[in-house]
Amino acid sequence: MKKLKILVLVLIIFLILGIYLYFKYYFTYEQKNITQRKIEEYTGQNLSITIFGYDGRIIKKWTGIKKITSGRDTRNYTYFYTKDGRYVQIPDSVWYIAEEE
């Protein structure tokens, strides 16, 4: 019984390692991005992003955004993908609000 548990544990470890190596070395950069976006469809948020002009009027609004990305030191913009998969980039000089719906 103890040998069976050890064997099952070793098989699970090899399976996890095999899946990790497969995704790391046999997926192209594009395939990784597509897979990551599909996972984020289920784990992402439901945001509403509104861009404002300097006078306070609304310029553009998107709803149903799953993830918004920013924050690297070398970046001076924020980006996200719309519901239909379009890439949107917002420069830091623009005022925007990202709210959860």
C-alpha atoms as a PDB file:
ATOM      1  CA  MET A   1       0.000   0.000   0.000  1.00  0.00           C
ATOM      2  CA  LYS A   2       2.822   2.398   0.856  1.00  0.00           C
ATOM      3  CA  LYS A   3       4.618   1.567  -2.415  1.00  0.00           C
ATOM      4  CA  LEU A   4       1.442   2.344  -4.348  1.00  0.00           C
ATOM      5  CA  LYS A   5       1.142   5.784  -2.712  1.00  0.00           C
ATOM      6  CA  ILE A   6       4.782   6.565  -3.510  1.00  0.00           C
ATOM      7  CA  LEU A   7       4.304   5.412  -7.106  1.00  0.00           C
ATOM      8  CA  VAL A   8       1.188   7.585  -7.525  1.00  0.00           C
ATOM      9  CA  LEU A   9       3.008  10.593  -6.039  1.00  0.00           C
ATOM     10  CA  VAL A  10       5.990  10.099  -8.374  1.00  0.00           C
ATOM     11  CA  LEU A  11       3.647   9.792 -11.380  1.00  0.00           C
ATOM     12  CA  ILE A  12       1.838  13.011 -10.413  1.00  0.00           C
ATOM     13  CA  ILE A  13       5.161  14.847 -10.060  1.00  0.00           C
ATOM     14  CA  PHE A  14       6.316  13.606 -13.492  1.00  0.00           C
ATOM     15  CA  LEU A  15       2.989  14.575 -15.028  1.00  0.00           C
ATOM     16  CA  ILE A  16       3.181  18.110 -13.625  1.00  0.00           C
ATOM     17  CA  LEU A  17       6.819  18.426 -14.694  1.00  0.00           C
ATOM     18  CA  GLY A  18       5.970  17.143 -18.180  1.00  0.00           C
ATOM     19  CA  ILE A  19       3.126  19.628 -18.600  1.00  0.00           C
ATOM     20  CA  TYR A  20       5.339  22.470 -17.379  1.00  0.00           C
ATOM     21  CA  LEU A  21       8.152  21.571 -19.798  1.00  0.00           C
ATOM     22  CA  TYR A  22       5.698  21.151 -22.682  1.00  0.00           C
ATOM     23  CA  PHE A  23       4.231  24.617 -22.175  1.00  0.00           C
ATOM     24  CA  LYS A  24       7.622  26.220 -21.555  1.00  0.00           C
ATOM     25  CA  TYR A  25       9.566  24.812 -24.506  1.00  0.00           C
ATOM     26  CA  TYR A  26       7.058  23.671 -27.135  1.00  0.00           C
ATOM     27  CA  PHE A  27       4.638  26.610 -27.142  1.00  0.00           C
ATOM     28  CA  THR A  28       5.398  29.650 -29.257  1.00  0.00           C
ATOM     29  CA  TYR A  29       5.115  33.115 -27.741  1.00  0.00           C
ATOM     30  CA  GLU A  30       1.814  33.623 -29.579  1.00  0.00           C
ATOM     31  CA  GLN A  31       0.365  30.317 -28.307  1.00  0.00           C
ATOM     32  CA  LYS A  32       1.334  31.250 -24.737  1.00  0.00           C
ATOM     33  CA  ASN A  33      -0.455  34.597 -25.061  1.00  0.00           C
ATOM     34  CA  ILE A  34      -3.582  32.993 -26.505  1.00  0.00           C
ATOM     35  CA  THR A  35      -3.656  30.370 -23.747  1.00  0.00           C
ATOM     36  CA  GLN A  36      -3.086  33.007 -21.073  1.00  0.00           C
ATOM     37  CA  ARG A  37      -5.933  35.158 -22.434  1.00  0.00           C
ATOM     38  CA  LYS A  38      -8.281  32.151 -22.477  1.00  0.00           C
ATOM     39  CA  ILE A  39      -7.422  31.405 -18.840  1.00  0.00           C
ATOM     40  CA  GLU A  40      -7.946  35.065 -17.938  1.00  0.00           C
ATOM     41  CA  GLU A  41     -11.444  34.944 -19.458  1.00  0.00           C
ATOM     42  CA  TYR A  42     -12.440  32.787 -16.508  1.00  0.00           C
ATOM     43  CA  THR A  43     -10.225  34.295 -13.831  1.00  0.00           C
ATOM     44  CA  GLY A  44     -10.282  37.955 -14.881  1.00  0.00           C
ATOM     45  CA  GLN A  45     -12.270  40.862 -13.538  1.00  0.00           C
ATOM     46  CA  ASN A  46     -15.173  42.682 -15.149  1.00  0.00           C
ATOM     47  CA  LEU A  47     -13.944  46.263 -15.485  1.00  0.00           C
ATOM     48  CA  SER A  48     -15.335  49.409 -17.022  1.00  0.00           C
ATOM     49  CA  ILE A  49     -12.653  51.810 -18.305  1.00  0.00           C
ATOM     50  CA  THR A  50     -13.475  55.448 -19.014  1.00  0.00           C
ATOM     51  CA  ILE A  51     -11.100  57.978 -20.598  1.00  0.00           C
ATOM     52  CA  PHE A  52     -11.622  61.647 -19.783  1.00  0.00           C
ATOM     53  CA  GLY A  53     -10.486  64.817 -21.541  1.00  0.00           C
ATOM     54  CA  TYR A  54      -8.748  67.614 -19.659  1.00  0.00           C
ATOM     55  CA  ASP A  55     -12.088  69.441 -19.453  1.00  0.00           C
ATOM     56  CA  GLY A  56     -13.689  66.454 -17.670  1.00  0.00           C
ATOM     57  CA  ARG A  57     -15.857  65.186 -20.529  1.00  0.00           C
ATOM     58  CA  ILE A  58     -15.917  61.479 -21.392  1.00  0.00           C
ATOM     59  CA  ILE A  59     -13.924  60.692 -24.524  1.00  0.00           C
ATOM     60  CA  LYS A  60     -14.262  56.903 -24.703  1.00  0.00           C
ATOM     61  CA  LYS A  61     -15.652  54.095 -22.523  1.00  0.00           C
ATOM     62  CA  TRP A  62     -15.147  50.313 -22.650  1.00  0.00           C
ATOM     63  CA  THR A  63     -17.002  47.697 -20.620  1.00  0.00           C
ATOM     64  CA  GLY A  64     -16.353  44.029 -19.926  1.00  0.00           C
ATOM     65  CA  ILE A  65     -12.565  44.374 -19.692  1.00  0.00           C
ATOM     66  CA  LYS A  66     -10.980  41.373 -17.970  1.00  0.00           C
ATOM     67  CA  LYS A  67      -7.551  42.773 -17.147  1.00  0.00           C
ATOM     68  CA  ILE A  68      -5.698  46.078 -17.355  1.00  0.00           C
ATOM     69  CA  THR A  69      -1.905  46.079 -17.309  1.00  0.00           C
ATOM     70  CA  SER A  70       0.586  48.776 -16.343  1.00  0.00           C
ATOM     71  CA  GLY A  71       3.350  49.410 -13.881  1.00  0.00           C
ATOM     72  CA  ARG A  72       6.702  48.427 -15.311  1.00  0.00           C
ATOM     73  CA  ASP A  73       9.356  51.062 -14.770  1.00  0.00           C
ATOM     74  CA  THR A  74      10.168  51.411 -18.472  1.00  0.00           C
ATOM     75  CA  ARG A  75       6.526  51.702 -19.578  1.00  0.00           C
ATOM     76  CA  ASN A  76       4.764  54.989 -19.843  1.00  0.00           C
ATOM     77  CA  TYR A  77       1.413  53.532 -20.870  1.00  0.00           C
ATOM     78  CA  THR A  78      -1.353  51.203 -19.746  1.00  0.00           C
ATOM     79  CA  TYR A  79      -2.951  48.588 -21.988  1.00  0.00           C
ATOM     80  CA  PHE A  80      -5.807  46.098 -22.130  1.00  0.00           C
ATOM     81  CA  TYR A  81      -7.771  43.964 -24.574  1.00  0.00           C
ATOM     82  CA  THR A  82     -11.427  44.650 -25.376  1.00  0.00           C
ATOM     83  CA  LYS A  83     -14.193  42.034 -25.469  1.00  0.00           C
ATOM     84  CA  ASP A  84     -13.594  41.441 -29.175  1.00  0.00           C
ATOM     85  CA  GLY A  85      -9.827  41.007 -28.671  1.00  0.00           C
ATOM     86  CA  ARG A  86      -8.662  44.458 -29.763  1.00  0.00           C
ATOM     87  CA  TYR A  87      -5.553  45.906 -28.153  1.00  0.00           C
ATOM     88  CA  VAL A  88      -5.958  49.354 -26.543  1.00  0.00           C
ATOM     89  CA  GLN A  89      -3.033  51.383 -25.258  1.00  0.00           C
ATOM     90  CA  ILE A  90      -3.523  54.439 -23.038  1.00  0.00           C
ATOM     91  CA  PRO A  91      -0.584  56.820 -22.481  1.00  0.00           C
ATOM     92  CA  ASP A  92       0.090  57.972 -18.922  1.00  0.00           C
ATOM     93  CA  SER A  93      -0.686  61.555 -19.947  1.00  0.00           C
ATOM     94  CA  VAL A  94      -4.395  60.650 -20.335  1.00  0.00           C
ATOM     95  CA  TRP A  95      -6.809  60.546 -17.396  1.00  0.00           C
ATOM     96  CA  TYR A  96      -8.766  57.333 -17.030  1.00  0.00           C
ATOM     97  CA  ILE A  97     -10.741  55.420 -14.434  1.00  0.00           C
ATOM     98  CA  ALA A  98     -10.962  51.627 -14.233  1.00  0.00           C
ATOM     99  CA  GLU A  99     -13.953  50.533 -12.146  1.00  0.00           C
ATOM    100  CA  GLU A 100     -15.352  47.106 -11.441  1.00  0.00           C
ATOM    101  CA  GLU A 101     -18.840  46.682 -12.862  1.00  0.00           C
END
